[in-house]
Amino acid sequence: MFHWMRHQLGSPYGVSDATIERALEQALAASVAGTPELDAVVLLAFDAVYTAEGVMDEPATHMYVSNDYIMSLAARHPRVLFGASIHPYRRDAVAEVERCVRAGAVLCKWLPITQRIDPADPRCIPMYDALAHFGLPLLSHTGWEHVLPRLDPAVASPARLVRALERGVTVIAAHCGTGVVPGEGSYRDEFMRLARDHERLYGDTAGMSLPNRWGDYDALLADDVVRAKLVHGSDWPIPAYPRPWRHGWRNSRALLGERNQLRRDVLIKRALGFDDAYWRRAGQEVLRVAKGGH
């Protein structure tokens, strides 16, 4: 999967890691510059896996993108905002929240099924209280995962995030619990119920332009309450694909002709009729940047 995504970005092979990193940074900058429809993007760090004792578990960590690295990218690129990632079992989790807030973080990212985080675990409460105190929203993956390893499939449900909501945290359920693969269930209906019940629960549309999520658009947009809880997400650099029977074959070919995956995803969603409130909701209601924090 990583090789496929690197191919999509034109990343070189047979070169040093530093050269690859520079090439990926250039691809990111070009993608953002080529998407004038977006004012800014939130670039996400990705914390390591930690043990129950709060120690980094390097053998279980498949991918690690440090907060410091994303801070440096945000400092170099004006349209890039800092999305932190802080594992709640870390012994310094609260201190790291405070440090990242001072550095301009606009949200905190989790992928529980891969980072081995149970959002319902009481060990998360100190971090939840810190997030609520600083008004830093939590972007947490919901539903199944198909790119990174599944270390704990039991935490895929959006219902695991209720404890965070009860502690006053604004939560963005990444992917709205969607995704249908043979042999796996979907958590979309569960997300929709929770979004109706909890004022501070939102859902992002990252990865929604993949074929296994095409069928979820209509249900989410048909519910007025849930529709008003959707924020834009791209899942870049994973590609986006139009639905030929919805966009029309000619328009679909035109959309596929847009090689910038970040912009293609925007154009697909605009063609589906996402309204102006959807595009502005993250900046105006959800991210810490909207509350004068950055």
C-alpha atoms as a PDB file:
ATOM      1  CA  MET A   1       0.000   0.000   0.000  1.00  0.00           C
ATOM      2  CA  PHE A   2       2.816   2.410   0.854  1.00  0.00           C
ATOM      3  CA  HIS A   3       4.580   1.644  -2.434  1.00  0.00           C
ATOM      4  CA  TRP A   4       1.338   2.374  -4.290  1.00  0.00           C
ATOM      5  CA  MET A   5       0.921   5.729  -2.540  1.00  0.00           C
ATOM      6  CA  ARG A   6       4.558   6.619  -3.188  1.00  0.00           C
ATOM      7  CA  HIS A   7       3.978   5.873  -6.863  1.00  0.00           C
ATOM      8  CA  GLN A   8       0.949   8.186  -6.851  1.00  0.00           C
ATOM      9  CA  LEU A   9       3.164  10.983  -5.506  1.00  0.00           C
ATOM     10  CA  GLY A  10       6.065  10.303  -7.868  1.00  0.00           C
ATOM     11  CA  SER A  11       8.383   9.538  -4.940  1.00  0.00           C
ATOM     12  CA  PRO A  12      11.874   8.389  -6.035  1.00  0.00           C
ATOM     13  CA  TYR A  13      13.294   4.952  -5.274  1.00  0.00           C
ATOM     14  CA  GLY A  14      16.863   3.885  -4.619  1.00  0.00           C
ATOM     15  CA  VAL A  15      17.724   7.131  -2.835  1.00  0.00           C
ATOM     16  CA  SER A  16      18.337   8.163   0.764  1.00  0.00           C
ATOM     17  CA  ASP A  17      15.547   8.614   3.298  1.00  0.00           C
ATOM     18  CA  ALA A  18      16.341  12.330   3.424  1.00  0.00           C
ATOM     19  CA  THR A  19      15.849  12.582  -0.349  1.00  0.00           C
ATOM     20  CA  ILE A  20      12.532  10.752  -0.097  1.00  0.00           C
ATOM     21  CA  GLU A  21      11.380  13.070   2.691  1.00  0.00           C
ATOM     22  CA  ARG A  22      12.255  16.150   0.635  1.00  0.00           C
ATOM     23  CA  ALA A  23      10.397  14.718  -2.370  1.00  0.00           C
ATOM     24  CA  LEU A  24       7.301  14.004  -0.271  1.00  0.00           C
ATOM     25  CA  GLU A  25       7.412  17.509   1.198  1.00  0.00           C
ATOM     26  CA  GLN A  26       7.602  18.946  -2.317  1.00  0.00           C
ATOM     27  CA  ALA A  27       4.653  16.776  -3.386  1.00  0.00           C
ATOM     28  CA  LEU A  28       2.662  18.016  -0.407  1.00  0.00           C
ATOM     29  CA  ALA A  29       3.498  21.653  -1.148  1.00  0.00           C
ATOM     30  CA  ALA A  30       2.568  21.217  -4.815  1.00  0.00           C
ATOM     31  CA  SER A  31      -0.731  19.534  -3.907  1.00  0.00           C
ATOM     32  CA  VAL A  32      -1.690  22.360  -1.539  1.00  0.00           C
ATOM     33  CA  ALA A  33      -0.605  25.074  -3.972  1.00  0.00           C
ATOM     34  CA  GLY A  34      -2.640  23.368  -6.700  1.00  0.00           C
ATOM     35  CA  THR A  35      -5.824  23.323  -4.626  1.00  0.00           C
ATOM     36  CA  PRO A  36      -6.966  26.965  -4.427  1.00  0.00           C
ATOM     37  CA  GLU A  37     -10.387  25.850  -3.167  1.00  0.00           C
ATOM     38  CA  LEU A  38      -8.840  25.151   0.270  1.00  0.00           C
ATOM     39  CA  ASP A  39      -7.554  27.913   2.534  1.00  0.00           C
ATOM     40  CA  ALA A  40      -5.304  25.530   4.463  1.00  0.00           C
ATOM     41  CA  VAL A  41      -4.715  21.872   5.262  1.00  0.00           C
ATOM     42  CA  VAL A  42      -4.146  20.134   8.585  1.00  0.00           C
ATOM     43  CA  LEU A  43      -1.118  17.863   8.334  1.00  0.00           C
ATOM     44  CA  LEU A  44      -1.196  14.980  10.797  1.00  0.00           C
ATOM     45  CA  ALA A  45       1.519  13.607  13.025  1.00  0.00           C
ATOM     46  CA  PHE A  46       1.251   9.934  13.981  1.00  0.00           C
ATOM     47  CA  ASP A  47       2.419   8.846  17.412  1.00  0.00           C
ATOM     48  CA  ALA A  48       4.077   5.524  18.182  1.00  0.00           C
ATOM     49  CA  VAL A  49       2.426   2.579  19.923  1.00  0.00           C
ATOM     50  CA  TYR A  50       2.770   2.603  23.725  1.00  0.00           C
ATOM     51  CA  THR A  51       2.433  -0.147  26.283  1.00  0.00           C
ATOM     52  CA  ALA A  52      -0.088  -0.109  29.124  1.00  0.00           C
ATOM     53  CA  GLU A  53       2.776   1.093  31.323  1.00  0.00           C
ATOM     54  CA  GLY A  54       3.308   4.165  29.130  1.00  0.00           C
ATOM     55  CA  VAL A  55       6.514   3.033  27.411  1.00  0.00           C
ATOM     56  CA  MET A  56       7.027   3.322  23.647  1.00  0.00           C
ATOM     57  CA  ASP A  57       6.587  -0.081  22.004  1.00  0.00           C
ATOM     58  CA  GLU A  58       8.992   0.165  19.071  1.00  0.00           C
ATOM     59  CA  PRO A  59       8.499  -3.408  17.755  1.00  0.00           C
ATOM     60  CA  ALA A  60       4.733  -2.785  17.457  1.00  0.00           C
ATOM     61  CA  THR A  61       5.143   0.647  15.835  1.00  0.00           C
ATOM     62  CA  HIS A  62       4.661   0.368  12.095  1.00  0.00           C
ATOM     63  CA  MET A  63       4.704   4.109  11.376  1.00  0.00           C
ATOM     64  CA  TYR A  64       5.823   7.068  13.468  1.00  0.00           C
ATOM     65  CA  VAL A  65       5.639  10.725  12.435  1.00  0.00           C
ATOM     66  CA  SER A  66       6.761  12.983  15.254  1.00  0.00           C
ATOM     67  CA  ASN A  67       5.025  16.132  16.389  1.00  0.00           C
ATOM     68  CA  ASP A  68       8.293  18.024  15.980  1.00  0.00           C
ATOM     69  CA  TYR A  69       8.511  17.037  12.315  1.00  0.00           C
ATOM     70  CA  ILE A  70       4.993  18.264  11.555  1.00  0.00           C
ATOM     71  CA  MET A  71       5.688  21.461  13.502  1.00  0.00           C
ATOM     72  CA  SER A  72       8.668  22.077  11.222  1.00  0.00           C
ATOM     73  CA  LEU A  73       6.599  21.519   8.074  1.00  0.00           C
ATOM     74  CA  ALA A  74       3.880  23.850   9.325  1.00  0.00           C
ATOM     75  CA  ALA A  75       6.534  26.493  10.031  1.00  0.00           C
ATOM     76  CA  ARG A  76       7.866  26.224   6.462  1.00  0.00           C
ATOM     77  CA  HIS A  77       4.499  26.195   4.680  1.00  0.00           C
ATOM     78  CA  PRO A  78       1.975  28.955   5.505  1.00  0.00           C
ATOM     79  CA  ARG A  79      -1.069  26.942   4.380  1.00  0.00           C
ATOM     80  CA  VAL A  80      -0.129  23.899   6.489  1.00  0.00           C
ATOM     81  CA  LEU A  81      -1.575  23.657  10.023  1.00  0.00           C
ATOM     82  CA  PHE A  82      -0.156  21.438  12.738  1.00  0.00           C
ATOM     83  CA  GLY A  83      -2.178  18.334  13.600  1.00  0.00           C
ATOM     84  CA  ALA A  84      -0.613  16.714  16.665  1.00  0.00           C
ATOM     85  CA  SER A  85      -0.724  13.041  17.626  1.00  0.00           C
ATOM     86  CA  ILE A  86      -0.367  12.091  21.288  1.00  0.00           C
ATOM     87  CA  HIS A  87      -0.881   8.573  22.611  1.00  0.00           C
ATOM     88  CA  PRO A  88      -2.984   8.817  25.798  1.00  0.00           C
ATOM     89  CA  TYR A  89      -1.024   6.100  27.617  1.00  0.00           C
ATOM     90  CA  ARG A  90       2.208   8.115  27.417  1.00  0.00           C
ATOM     91  CA  ARG A  91       3.498   9.117  30.829  1.00  0.00           C
ATOM     92  CA  ASP A  92       3.909  12.657  29.515  1.00  0.00           C
ATOM     93  CA  ALA A  93       0.626  12.777  27.565  1.00  0.00           C
ATOM     94  CA  VAL A  94      -0.786  15.846  29.322  1.00  0.00           C
ATOM     95  CA  ALA A  95       2.536  17.673  29.150  1.00  0.00           C
ATOM     96  CA  GLU A  96       2.755  16.869  25.438  1.00  0.00           C
ATOM     97  CA  VAL A  97      -0.761  18.252  24.896  1.00  0.00           C
ATOM     98  CA  GLU A  98       0.351  21.486  26.562  1.00  0.00           C
ATOM     99  CA  ARG A  99       3.545  21.626  24.459  1.00  0.00           C
ATOM    100  CA  CYS A 100       1.680  21.008  21.203  1.00  0.00           C
ATOM    101  CA  VAL A 101      -0.940  23.628  22.027  1.00  0.00           C
ATOM    102  CA  ARG A 102       1.818  26.182  22.596  1.00  0.00           C
ATOM    103  CA  ALA A 103       3.243  25.186  19.201  1.00  0.00           C
ATOM    104  CA  GLY A 104      -0.075  25.910  17.474  1.00  0.00           C
ATOM    105  CA  ALA A 105      -1.723  22.489  17.207  1.00  0.00           C
ATOM    106  CA  VAL A 106      -5.264  22.698  15.837  1.00  0.00           C
ATOM    107  CA  LEU A 107      -6.280  19.094  16.685  1.00  0.00           C
ATOM    108  CA  CYS A 108      -4.995  15.773  18.015  1.00  0.00           C
ATOM    109  CA  LYS A 109      -5.050  12.653  15.830  1.00  0.00           C
ATOM    110  CA  TRP A 110      -5.573   9.019  16.898  1.00  0.00           C
ATOM    111  CA  LEU A 111      -5.889   5.796  14.955  1.00  0.00           C
ATOM    112  CA  PRO A 112      -6.902   3.520  17.862  1.00  0.00           C
ATOM    113  CA  ILE A 113      -7.021   0.261  15.936  1.00  0.00           C
ATOM    114  CA  THR A 114      -3.363   0.701  14.877  1.00  0.00           C
ATOM    115  CA  GLN A 115      -1.938   2.678  17.803  1.00  0.00           C
ATOM    116  CA  ARG A 116      -3.508   0.251  20.300  1.00  0.00           C
ATOM    117  CA  ILE A 117      -5.625   2.885  22.029  1.00  0.00           C
ATOM    118  CA  ASP A 118      -8.946   2.145  23.675  1.00  0.00           C
ATOM    119  CA  PRO A 119     -10.765   5.509  23.779  1.00  0.00           C
ATOM    120  CA  ALA A 120     -13.072   4.115  26.475  1.00  0.00           C
ATOM    121  CA  ASP A 121     -10.159   3.263  28.792  1.00  0.00           C
ATOM    122  CA  PRO A 122     -10.102   5.354  32.007  1.00  0.00           C
ATOM    123  CA  ARG A 123      -6.378   5.929  31.381  1.00  0.00           C
ATOM    124  CA  CYS A 124      -7.466   8.390  28.678  1.00  0.00           C
ATOM    125  CA  ILE A 125      -9.318  10.657  31.132  1.00  0.00           C
ATOM    126  CA  PRO A 126      -6.369  12.927  32.088  1.00  0.00           C
ATOM    127  CA  MET A 127      -5.693  13.590  28.428  1.00  0.00           C
ATOM    128  CA  TYR A 128      -9.394  14.151  27.714  1.00  0.00           C
ATOM    129  CA  ASP A 129      -9.492  16.747  30.465  1.00  0.00           C
ATOM    130  CA  ALA A 130      -6.446  18.473  28.958  1.00  0.00           C
ATOM    131  CA  LEU A 131      -7.974  18.460  25.458  1.00  0.00           C
ATOM    132  CA  ALA A 132     -11.225  19.899  26.803  1.00  0.00           C
ATOM    133  CA  HIS A 133      -9.360  22.542  28.823  1.00  0.00           C
ATOM    134  CA  PHE A 134      -7.444  23.800  25.786  1.00  0.00           C
ATOM    135  CA  GLY A 135     -10.300  23.364  23.313  1.00  0.00           C
ATOM    136  CA  LEU A 136      -8.188  20.983  21.232  1.00  0.00           C
ATOM    137  CA  PRO A 137     -10.451  18.625  19.249  1.00  0.00           C
ATOM    138  CA  LEU A 138      -9.731  14.923  18.921  1.00  0.00           C
ATOM    139  CA  LEU A 139      -9.732  13.434  15.418  1.00  0.00           C
ATOM    140  CA  SER A 140     -10.100   9.693  15.949  1.00  0.00           C
ATOM    141  CA  HIS A 141     -10.350   7.019  13.264  1.00  0.00           C
ATOM    142  CA  THR A 142     -13.569   4.997  13.363  1.00  0.00           C
ATOM    143  CA  GLY A 143     -14.401   1.829  11.479  1.00  0.00           C
ATOM    144  CA  TRP A 144     -11.968  -0.657  10.017  1.00  0.00           C
ATOM    145  CA  GLU A 145      -8.406  -0.003   8.845  1.00  0.00           C
ATOM    146  CA  HIS A 146      -6.880  -1.414   5.645  1.00  0.00           C
ATOM    147  CA  VAL A 147      -3.556   0.421   5.220  1.00  0.00           C
ATOM    148  CA  LEU A 148      -1.854   0.010   8.599  1.00  0.00           C
ATOM    149  CA  PRO A 149      -1.773  -3.049  10.904  1.00  0.00           C
ATOM    150  CA  ARG A 150      -4.748  -3.756  13.148  1.00  0.00           C
ATOM    151  CA  LEU A 151      -3.312  -4.208  16.613  1.00  0.00           C
ATOM    152  CA  ASP A 152      -6.684  -3.998  18.375  1.00  0.00           C
ATOM    153  CA  PRO A 153      -9.749  -4.501  16.139  1.00  0.00           C
ATOM    154  CA  ALA A 154     -12.024  -4.277  19.198  1.00  0.00           C
ATOM    155  CA  VAL A 155     -11.729  -0.455  19.289  1.00  0.00           C
ATOM    156  CA  ALA A 156     -13.142   0.279  15.817  1.00  0.00           C
ATOM    157  CA  SER A 157     -16.556   1.402  17.070  1.00  0.00           C
ATOM    158  CA  PRO A 158     -17.352   5.134  17.356  1.00  0.00           C
ATOM    159  CA  ALA A 159     -19.158   4.312  20.614  1.00  0.00           C
ATOM    160  CA  ARG A 160     -15.735   3.978  22.254  1.00  0.00           C
ATOM    161  CA  LEU A 161     -15.469   7.781  21.960  1.00  0.00           C
ATOM    162  CA  VAL A 162     -18.431   8.551  24.212  1.00  0.00           C
ATOM    163  CA  ARG A 163     -16.167   8.883  27.263  1.00  0.00           C
ATOM    164  CA  ALA A 164     -14.283  11.699  25.494  1.00  0.00           C
ATOM    165  CA  LEU A 165     -17.551  13.473  24.696  1.00  0.00           C
ATOM    166  CA  GLU A 166     -18.676  13.123  28.310  1.00  0.00           C
ATOM    167  CA  ARG A 167     -15.440  14.824  29.438  1.00  0.00           C
ATOM    168  CA  GLY A 168     -16.177  17.828  27.225  1.00  0.00           C
ATOM    169  CA  VAL A 169     -13.938  17.015  24.250  1.00  0.00           C
ATOM    170  CA  THR A 170     -14.980  17.962  20.727  1.00  0.00           C
ATOM    171  CA  VAL A 171     -14.540  14.777  18.677  1.00  0.00           C
ATOM    172  CA  ILE A 172     -14.239  14.275  14.932  1.00  0.00           C
ATOM    173  CA  ALA A 173     -14.987  10.662  14.009  1.00  0.00           C
ATOM    174  CA  ALA A 174     -12.755  10.095  10.998  1.00  0.00           C
ATOM    175  CA  HIS A 175     -14.590   8.403   8.107  1.00  0.00           C
ATOM    176  CA  CYS A 176     -17.912   8.542  10.025  1.00  0.00           C
ATOM    177  CA  GLY A 177     -17.501   4.850  10.826  1.00  0.00           C
ATOM    178  CA  THR A 178     -17.967   3.975   7.145  1.00  0.00           C
ATOM    179  CA  GLY A 179     -16.391   1.383   4.908  1.00  0.00           C
ATOM    180  CA  VAL A 180     -17.711  -1.886   3.588  1.00  0.00           C
ATOM    181  CA  VAL A 181     -15.397  -4.791   2.803  1.00  0.00           C
ATOM    182  CA  PRO A 182     -16.633  -8.388   2.469  1.00  0.00           C
ATOM    183  CA  GLY A 183     -16.743  -9.989   5.893  1.00  0.00           C
ATOM    184  CA  GLU A 184     -16.684  -6.693   7.790  1.00  0.00           C
ATOM    185  CA  GLY A 185     -19.528  -4.639   9.157  1.00  0.00           C
ATOM    186  CA  SER A 186     -20.011  -0.891   8.946  1.00  0.00           C
ATOM    187  CA  TYR A 187     -20.308   1.510  11.869  1.00  0.00           C
ATOM    188  CA  ARG A 188     -22.027   4.224   9.827  1.00  0.00           C
ATOM    189  CA  ASP A 189     -25.437   3.891  11.450  1.00  0.00           C
ATOM    190  CA  GLU A 190     -23.845   3.897  14.895  1.00  0.00           C
ATOM    191  CA  PHE A 191     -21.975   7.094  14.054  1.00  0.00           C
ATOM    192  CA  MET A 192     -25.155   8.731  12.780  1.00  0.00           C
ATOM    193  CA  ARG A 193     -27.020   7.874  15.977  1.00  0.00           C
ATOM    194  CA  LEU A 194     -24.205   9.238  18.127  1.00  0.00           C
ATOM    195  CA  ALA A 195     -23.945  12.402  16.016  1.00  0.00           C
ATOM    196  CA  ARG A 196     -27.631  13.073  16.637  1.00  0.00           C
ATOM    197  CA  ASP A 197     -27.212  12.475  20.382  1.00  0.00           C
ATOM    198  CA  HIS A 198     -23.973  14.386  21.045  1.00  0.00           C
ATOM    199  CA  GLU A 199     -23.581  18.045  20.152  1.00  0.00           C
ATOM    200  CA  ARG A 200     -19.773  17.933  20.087  1.00  0.00           C
ATOM    201  CA  LEU A 201     -19.464  14.883  17.809  1.00  0.00           C
ATOM    202  CA  TYR A 202     -18.579  15.569  14.172  1.00  0.00           C
ATOM    203  CA  GLY A 203     -17.539  13.285  11.343  1.00  0.00           C
ATOM    204  CA  ASP A 204     -15.035  13.847   8.563  1.00  0.00           C
ATOM    205  CA  THR A 205     -15.307  12.703   4.963  1.00  0.00           C
ATOM    206  CA  ALA A 206     -11.715  11.483   4.601  1.00  0.00           C
ATOM    207  CA  GLY A 207     -11.535   8.511   2.277  1.00  0.00           C
ATOM    208  CA  MET A 208     -15.221   8.818   1.376  1.00  0.00           C
ATOM    209  CA  SER A 209     -14.345   8.980  -2.325  1.00  0.00           C
ATOM    210  CA  LEU A 210     -13.103   5.393  -2.301  1.00  0.00           C
ATOM    211  CA  PRO A 211     -15.377   2.761  -3.882  1.00  0.00           C
ATOM    212  CA  ASN A 212     -15.940   0.899  -0.604  1.00  0.00           C
ATOM    213  CA  ARG A 213     -17.503   4.077   0.849  1.00  0.00           C
ATOM    214  CA  TRP A 214     -19.433   5.359  -2.167  1.00  0.00           C
ATOM    215  CA  GLY A 215     -22.679   3.960  -0.793  1.00  0.00           C
ATOM    216  CA  ASP A 216     -22.393   5.972   2.427  1.00  0.00           C
ATOM    217  CA  TYR A 217     -22.583   9.458   0.934  1.00  0.00           C
ATOM    218  CA  ASP A 218     -26.322   9.370   0.290  1.00  0.00           C
ATOM    219  CA  ALA A 219     -27.279   8.231   3.797  1.00  0.00           C
ATOM    220  CA  LEU A 220     -25.089  10.850   5.494  1.00  0.00           C
ATOM    221  CA  LEU A 221     -26.314  13.687   3.310  1.00  0.00           C
ATOM    222  CA  ALA A 222     -29.976  12.679   3.586  1.00  0.00           C
ATOM    223  CA  ASP A 223     -30.035  13.202   7.377  1.00  0.00           C
ATOM    224  CA  ASP A 224     -30.175  16.961   8.049  1.00  0.00           C
ATOM    225  CA  VAL A 225     -28.730  16.688  11.571  1.00  0.00           C
ATOM    226  CA  VAL A 226     -25.840  14.473  10.503  1.00  0.00           C
ATOM    227  CA  ARG A 227     -25.179  16.548   7.397  1.00  0.00           C
ATOM    228  CA  ALA A 228     -24.654  19.567   9.640  1.00  0.00           C
ATOM    229  CA  LYS A 229     -21.955  17.614  11.511  1.00  0.00           C
ATOM    230  CA  LEU A 230     -19.768  16.794   8.504  1.00  0.00           C
ATOM    231  CA  VAL A 231     -16.344  18.401   8.025  1.00  0.00           C
ATOM    232  CA  HIS A 232     -14.045  18.051   5.061  1.00  0.00           C
ATOM    233  CA  GLY A 233     -11.261  15.475   5.161  1.00  0.00           C
ATOM    234  CA  SER A 234      -9.175  14.185   2.259  1.00  0.00           C
ATOM    235  CA  ASP A 235      -7.168  11.100   3.360  1.00  0.00           C
ATOM    236  CA  TRP A 236      -4.383  12.442   1.106  1.00  0.00           C
ATOM    237  CA  PRO A 237      -2.400  10.897  -0.532  1.00  0.00           C
ATOM    238  CA  ILE A 238      -4.893   8.051  -0.979  1.00  0.00           C
ATOM    239  CA  PRO A 239      -6.636   8.648  -4.355  1.00  0.00           C
ATOM    240  CA  ALA A 240     -10.234   9.774  -4.778  1.00  0.00           C
ATOM    241  CA  TYR A 241     -12.592   8.350  -7.393  1.00  0.00           C
ATOM    242  CA  PRO A 242     -15.886   9.699  -8.781  1.00  0.00           C
ATOM    243  CA  ARG A 243     -19.037   7.602  -9.067  1.00  0.00           C
ATOM    244  CA  PRO A 244     -19.810   7.329 -12.803  1.00  0.00           C
ATOM    245  CA  TRP A 245     -23.540   6.722 -12.257  1.00  0.00           C
ATOM    246  CA  ARG A 246     -23.757   9.810 -10.049  1.00  0.00           C
ATOM    247  CA  HIS A 247     -21.347  12.182 -11.803  1.00  0.00           C
ATOM    248  CA  GLY A 248     -21.920  10.890 -15.334  1.00  0.00           C
ATOM    249  CA  TRP A 249     -19.283   9.147 -17.430  1.00  0.00           C
ATOM    250  CA  ARG A 250     -18.050  12.298 -19.166  1.00  0.00           C
ATOM    251  CA  ASN A 251     -17.730  14.254 -15.931  1.00  0.00           C
ATOM    252  CA  SER A 252     -16.088  11.262 -14.252  1.00  0.00           C
ATOM    253  CA  ARG A 253     -13.419  11.144 -16.941  1.00  0.00           C
ATOM    254  CA  ALA A 254     -12.834  14.866 -16.485  1.00  0.00           C
ATOM    255  CA  LEU A 255     -12.496  14.428 -12.705  1.00  0.00           C
ATOM    256  CA  LEU A 256     -10.068  11.545 -13.145  1.00  0.00           C
ATOM    257  CA  GLY A 257      -8.021  13.845 -15.375  1.00  0.00           C
ATOM    258  CA  GLU A 258      -7.190  15.955 -12.303  1.00  0.00           C
ATOM    259  CA  ARG A 259      -3.892  14.414 -11.182  1.00  0.00           C
ATOM    260  CA  ASN A 260      -3.717  16.372  -7.929  1.00  0.00           C
ATOM    261  CA  GLN A 261      -5.450  13.962  -5.533  1.00  0.00           C
ATOM    262  CA  LEU A 262      -6.105  16.681  -2.959  1.00  0.00           C
ATOM    263  CA  ARG A 263      -7.957  18.826  -5.487  1.00  0.00           C
ATOM    264  CA  ARG A 264      -9.675  15.868  -7.176  1.00  0.00           C
ATOM    265  CA  ASP A 265     -11.302  14.948  -3.866  1.00  0.00           C
ATOM    266  CA  VAL A 266     -12.517  18.539  -3.465  1.00  0.00           C
ATOM    267  CA  LEU A 267     -13.961  18.614  -6.993  1.00  0.00           C
ATOM    268  CA  ILE A 268     -15.744  15.282  -6.492  1.00  0.00           C
ATOM    269  CA  LYS A 269     -17.417  16.526  -3.312  1.00  0.00           C
ATOM    270  CA  ARG A 270     -18.358  19.840  -4.868  1.00  0.00           C
ATOM    271  CA  ALA A 271     -20.015  17.919  -7.705  1.00  0.00           C
ATOM    272  CA  LEU A 272     -21.945  15.876  -5.119  1.00  0.00           C
ATOM    273  CA  GLY A 273     -23.466  19.076  -3.735  1.00  0.00           C
ATOM    274  CA  PHE A 274     -21.679  19.608  -0.419  1.00  0.00           C
ATOM    275  CA  ASP A 275     -22.765  23.097   0.623  1.00  0.00           C
ATOM    276  CA  ASP A 276     -20.727  26.116   1.685  1.00  0.00           C
ATOM    277  CA  ALA A 277     -21.290  25.398   5.386  1.00  0.00           C
ATOM    278  CA  TYR A 278     -19.589  22.024   4.980  1.00  0.00           C
ATOM    279  CA  TRP A 279     -16.438  23.574   3.539  1.00  0.00           C
ATOM    280  CA  ARG A 280     -16.207  26.210   6.288  1.00  0.00           C
ATOM    281  CA  ARG A 281     -17.312  24.153   9.297  1.00  0.00           C
ATOM    282  CA  ALA A 282     -13.874  22.911  10.376  1.00  0.00           C
ATOM    283  CA  GLY A 283     -12.349  26.392  10.384  1.00  0.00           C
ATOM    284  CA  GLN A 284     -15.342  28.142  11.905  1.00  0.00           C
ATOM    285  CA  GLU A 285     -16.594  25.617  14.465  1.00  0.00           C
ATOM    286  CA  VAL A 286     -14.212  22.763  15.138  1.00  0.00           C
ATOM    287  CA  LEU A 287     -10.469  23.355  14.873  1.00  0.00           C
ATOM    288  CA  ARG A 288      -8.633  25.204  17.603  1.00  0.00           C
ATOM    289  CA  VAL A 289      -7.628  27.772  14.980  1.00  0.00           C
ATOM    290  CA  ALA A 290     -11.276  28.871  15.001  1.00  0.00           C
ATOM    291  CA  LYS A 291     -11.037  29.679  18.705  1.00  0.00           C
ATOM    292  CA  GLY A 292      -8.043  31.980  18.509  1.00  0.00           C
ATOM    293  CA  GLY A 293      -5.549  29.279  19.422  1.00  0.00           C
ATOM    294  CA  HIS A 294      -3.228  29.693  16.403  1.00  0.00           C
END
